[in-house]
Amino acid sequence: MLRVLLILLIAAQMSGCVSVVAVGAAGTAAVSASDRRTVGTQIDDKTTEARVNAAINDIPNLDENAAISVHVYNGQVLLTGQANQQTLIDAASQAASQVAHVDKVHNQVRLGKPIPATATMNDIWLGTKIRTLMTANEDVPLLKLDLIVEDSEVFIMGRLTKQEARAAVEIARNVQGVVKVVRVMELLD
């Protein structure tokens, strides 16, 4: 982490596009290096996420009747969002489960109309508050988890120890405005 800060400080004193590219690459390398997944698994997860998105986007009438987001961590797929028909929710889950490298699908799509922009802005605000609190807590390895906020529900994905998971959930559930915390994680011994 100290190296990343040092790189950012040096980059701030340099000018031009080269420094921005260097900082971006260094930041990506720092995040990849601190992740508990191998680099190969991280790449597989990004590829799987794109394939699941494509499979879900092929569902007829989905665009007009649903807003579904896809998140993949270590082969586990988390579907969030809303759909106004249960058949679309089921079809999304089915489409995701048929994609290669998907070990499990966690379908958390809610029945209802897609949330308005104001709710999305609130989700961004909640996510920022939670990440800030997690950053300040040494028991939570923020770079080793994915935090998703959808309609005031918080989803925590990652490979965490029991202590890390408890700390992350405790922080998230105590942020004002959070209505539910869902653990979508693998617990390490």
Foldseek 3Di string as FASTA:
>chain_A
DVVLVVLVVVLVVDDDDVSVVVSVVVVVVVLQVLAPDHPVQVVVQVVLQVQLVVLLVPDPPDVVFWDWHWGGDSQEIEIEWEGQDVVSLVSSLVSSVPGPSRPYYHRHYYHDGTDDPVLVVVQVVLVVQLLVVLVVDPLAPSSHWDWGGGSLEIEIEGEEAPSNVVVSLVSSVPDPSRDYYHYHYHHDD
